[in-house]
Amino acid sequence: MALDSAKKAQIIKQYARGENDTGSPEVQVALLSDRINYLT
């Protein structure tokens, strides 16, 4: 199951370096960590 859009937006907002940042390492690690936590 993929992250729902609200949860993903919340994570991006929390870890983004700028307003339109979705590719920084911080954001990517946070998204992957949330996905791993969901799977375990």
PDB file of N, CA and C in Angstrom:
ATOM      1  N   MET A   1       0.840  -1.182   0.000  1.00  0.00           N
ATOM      2  CA  MET A   1       0.000   0.000   0.000  1.00  0.00           C
ATOM      3  C   MET A   1       0.884   1.244   0.000  1.00  0.00           C
ATOM      4  N   ALA A   2       0.572   2.158  -0.843  1.00  0.00           N
ATOM      5  CA  ALA A   2       1.303   3.422  -0.903  1.00  0.00           C
ATOM      6  C   ALA A   2       0.817   4.355   0.204  1.00  0.00           C
ATOM      7  N   LEU A   3       1.640   5.325   0.523  1.00  0.00           N
ATOM      8  CA  LEU A   3       1.231   6.330   1.503  1.00  0.00           C
ATOM      9  C   LEU A   3       0.048   7.117   0.964  1.00  0.00           C
ATOM     10  N   ASP A   4      -0.908   7.426   1.822  1.00  0.00           N
ATOM     11  CA  ASP A   4      -1.983   8.292   1.341  1.00  0.00           C
ATOM     12  C   ASP A   4      -1.432   9.707   1.179  1.00  0.00           C
ATOM     13  N   SER A   5      -2.077  10.471   0.348  1.00  0.00           N
ATOM     14  CA  SER A   5      -1.536  11.784  -0.032  1.00  0.00           C
ATOM     15  C   SER A   5      -1.429  12.746   1.148  1.00  0.00           C
ATOM     16  N   ALA A   6      -2.338  12.661   2.105  1.00  0.00           N
ATOM     17  CA  ALA A   6      -2.279  13.553   3.262  1.00  0.00           C
ATOM     18  C   ALA A   6      -1.058  13.240   4.125  1.00  0.00           C
ATOM     19  N   LYS A   7      -0.803  11.967   4.347  1.00  0.00           N
ATOM     20  CA  LYS A   7       0.355  11.553   5.148  1.00  0.00           C
ATOM     21  C   LYS A   7       1.653  11.939   4.445  1.00  0.00           C
ATOM     22  N   LYS A   8       1.702  11.714   3.128  1.00  0.00           N
ATOM     23  CA  LYS A   8       2.890  12.061   2.350  1.00  0.00           C
ATOM     24  C   LYS A   8       3.140  13.568   2.390  1.00  0.00           C
ATOM     25  N   ALA A   9       2.088  14.362   2.233  1.00  0.00           N
ATOM     26  CA  ALA A   9       2.219  15.817   2.274  1.00  0.00           C
ATOM     27  C   ALA A   9       2.711  16.285   3.641  1.00  0.00           C
ATOM     28  N   GLN A  10       2.235  15.644   4.694  1.00  0.00           N
ATOM     29  CA  GLN A  10       2.659  16.002   6.047  1.00  0.00           C
ATOM     30  C   GLN A  10       4.153  15.729   6.231  1.00  0.00           C
ATOM     31  N   ILE A  11       4.615  14.585   5.760  1.00  0.00           N
ATOM     32  CA  ILE A  11       6.030  14.235   5.879  1.00  0.00           C
ATOM     33  C   ILE A  11       6.886  15.199   5.069  1.00  0.00           C
ATOM     34  N   ILE A  12       6.460  15.489   3.841  1.00  0.00           N
ATOM     35  CA  ILE A  12       7.213  16.408   2.987  1.00  0.00           C
ATOM     36  C   ILE A  12       7.294  17.784   3.632  1.00  0.00           C
ATOM     37  N   LYS A  13       6.184  18.269   4.173  1.00  0.00           N
ATOM     38  CA  LYS A  13       6.168  19.590   4.813  1.00  0.00           C
ATOM     39  C   LYS A  13       7.109  19.635   6.016  1.00  0.00           C
ATOM     40  N   GLN A  14       7.155  18.552   6.759  1.00  0.00           N
ATOM     41  CA  GLN A  14       7.979  18.511   7.962  1.00  0.00           C
ATOM     42  C   GLN A  14       9.473  18.493   7.640  1.00  0.00           C
ATOM     43  N   TYR A  15       9.879  17.807   6.584  1.00  0.00           N
ATOM     44  CA  TYR A  15      11.301  17.609   6.310  1.00  0.00           C
ATOM     45  C   TYR A  15      11.842  18.398   5.126  1.00  0.00           C
ATOM     46  N   ALA A  16      10.999  19.099   4.387  1.00  0.00           N
ATOM     47  CA  ALA A  16      11.444  19.822   3.192  1.00  0.00           C
ATOM     48  C   ALA A  16      12.365  20.979   3.553  1.00  0.00           C
ATOM     49  N   ARG A  17      13.328  21.226   2.680  1.00  0.00           N
ATOM     50  CA  ARG A  17      14.238  22.361   2.851  1.00  0.00           C
ATOM     51  C   ARG A  17      13.603  23.646   2.345  1.00  0.00           C
ATOM     52  N   GLY A  18      12.724  23.527   1.364  1.00  0.00           N
ATOM     53  CA  GLY A  18      12.060  24.685   0.783  1.00  0.00           C
ATOM     54  C   GLY A  18      10.619  24.343   0.466  1.00  0.00           C
ATOM     55  N   GLU A  19       9.906  25.297  -0.080  1.00  0.00           N
ATOM     56  CA  GLU A  19       8.475  25.130  -0.328  1.00  0.00           C
ATOM     57  C   GLU A  19       8.161  24.003  -1.311  1.00  0.00           C
ATOM     58  N   ASN A  20       8.948  23.885  -2.374  1.00  0.00           N
ATOM     59  CA  ASN A  20       8.676  22.875  -3.398  1.00  0.00           C
ATOM     60  C   ASN A  20       9.653  21.707  -3.354  1.00  0.00           C
ATOM     61  N   ASP A  21      10.271  21.478  -2.221  1.00  0.00           N
ATOM     62  CA  ASP A  21      11.288  20.444  -2.093  1.00  0.00           C
ATOM     63  C   ASP A  21      10.647  19.087  -1.830  1.00  0.00           C
ATOM     64  N   THR A  22      10.849  18.154  -2.745  1.00  0.00           N
ATOM     65  CA  THR A  22      10.393  16.779  -2.527  1.00  0.00           C
ATOM     66  C   THR A  22      11.517  15.785  -2.760  1.00  0.00           C
ATOM     67  N   GLY A  23      12.680  16.249  -3.210  1.00  0.00           N
ATOM     68  CA  GLY A  23      13.746  15.344  -3.578  1.00  0.00           C
ATOM     69  C   GLY A  23      14.973  15.386  -2.697  1.00  0.00           C
ATOM     70  N   SER A  24      14.971  16.221  -1.674  1.00  0.00           N
ATOM     71  CA  SER A  24      16.153  16.288  -0.814  1.00  0.00           C
ATOM     72  C   SER A  24      16.304  14.971  -0.048  1.00  0.00           C
ATOM     73  N   PRO A  25      17.520  14.655   0.358  1.00  0.00           N
ATOM     74  CA  PRO A  25      17.741  13.403   1.085  1.00  0.00           C
ATOM     75  C   PRO A  25      16.874  13.282   2.342  1.00  0.00           C
ATOM     76  N   GLU A  26      16.675  14.392   3.037  1.00  0.00           N
ATOM     77  CA  GLU A  26      15.867  14.346   4.258  1.00  0.00           C
ATOM     78  C   GLU A  26      14.447  13.878   3.970  1.00  0.00           C
ATOM     79  N   VAL A  27      13.854  14.413   2.917  1.00  0.00           N
ATOM     80  CA  VAL A  27      12.483  14.049   2.549  1.00  0.00           C
ATOM     81  C   VAL A  27      12.430  12.597   2.101  1.00  0.00           C
ATOM     82  N   GLN A  28      13.368  12.192   1.261  1.00  0.00           N
ATOM     83  CA  GLN A  28      13.366  10.828   0.745  1.00  0.00           C
ATOM     84  C   GLN A  28      13.546   9.807   1.869  1.00  0.00           C
ATOM     85  N   VAL A  29      14.457  10.078   2.795  1.00  0.00           N
ATOM     86  CA  VAL A  29      14.675   9.172   3.921  1.00  0.00           C
ATOM     87  C   VAL A  29      13.431   9.108   4.800  1.00  0.00           C
ATOM     88  N   ALA A  30      12.803  10.233   5.047  1.00  0.00           N
ATOM     89  CA  ALA A  30      11.595  10.257   5.872  1.00  0.00           C
ATOM     90  C   ALA A  30      10.472   9.454   5.222  1.00  0.00           C
ATOM     91  N   LEU A  31      10.294   9.602   3.907  1.00  0.00           N
ATOM     92  CA  LEU A  31       9.250   8.852   3.206  1.00  0.00           C
ATOM     93  C   LEU A  31       9.543   7.356   3.228  1.00  0.00           C
ATOM     94  N   LEU A  32      10.792   6.985   2.973  1.00  0.00           N
ATOM     95  CA  LEU A  32      11.157   5.570   2.998  1.00  0.00           C
ATOM     96  C   LEU A  32      11.048   4.994   4.406  1.00  0.00           C
ATOM     97  N   SER A  33      11.425   5.763   5.411  1.00  0.00           N
ATOM     98  CA  SER A  33      11.318   5.298   6.795  1.00  0.00           C
ATOM     99  C   SER A  33       9.872   5.041   7.176  1.00  0.00           C
ATOM    100  N   ASP A  34       8.986   5.925   6.760  1.00  0.00           N
ATOM    101  CA  ASP A  34       7.567   5.733   7.052  1.00  0.00           C
ATOM    102  C   ASP A  34       7.046   4.477   6.361  1.00  0.00           C
ATOM    103  N   ARG A  35       7.472   4.257   5.135  1.00  0.00           N
ATOM    104  CA  ARG A  35       7.064   3.061   4.390  1.00  0.00           C
ATOM    105  C   ARG A  35       7.578   1.794   5.077  1.00  0.00           C
ATOM    106  N   ILE A  36       8.831   1.814   5.533  1.00  0.00           N
ATOM    107  CA  ILE A  36       9.403   0.661   6.230  1.00  0.00           C
ATOM    108  C   ILE A  36       8.647   0.403   7.525  1.00  0.00           C
ATOM    109  N   ASN A  37       8.339   1.458   8.270  1.00  0.00           N
ATOM    110  CA  ASN A  37       7.577   1.295   9.513  1.00  0.00           C
ATOM    111  C   ASN A  37       6.208   0.695   9.247  1.00  0.00           C
ATOM    112  N   TYR A  38       5.596   1.065   8.136  1.00  0.00           N
ATOM    113  CA  TYR A  38       4.298   0.500   7.776  1.00  0.00           C
ATOM    114  C   TYR A  38       4.418  -0.997   7.497  1.00  0.00           C
ATOM    115  N   LEU A  39       5.496  -1.393   6.837  1.00  0.00           N
ATOM    116  CA  LEU A  39       5.673  -2.794   6.451  1.00  0.00           C
ATOM    117  C   LEU A  39       6.052  -3.695   7.615  1.00  0.00           C
ATOM    118  N   THR A  40       6.621  -3.122   8.679  1.00  0.00           N
ATOM    119  CA  THR A  40       7.064  -3.970   9.791  1.00  0.00           C
ATOM    120  C   THR A  40       6.092  -3.967  10.930  1.00  0.00           C
TER     121      THR A  40
END
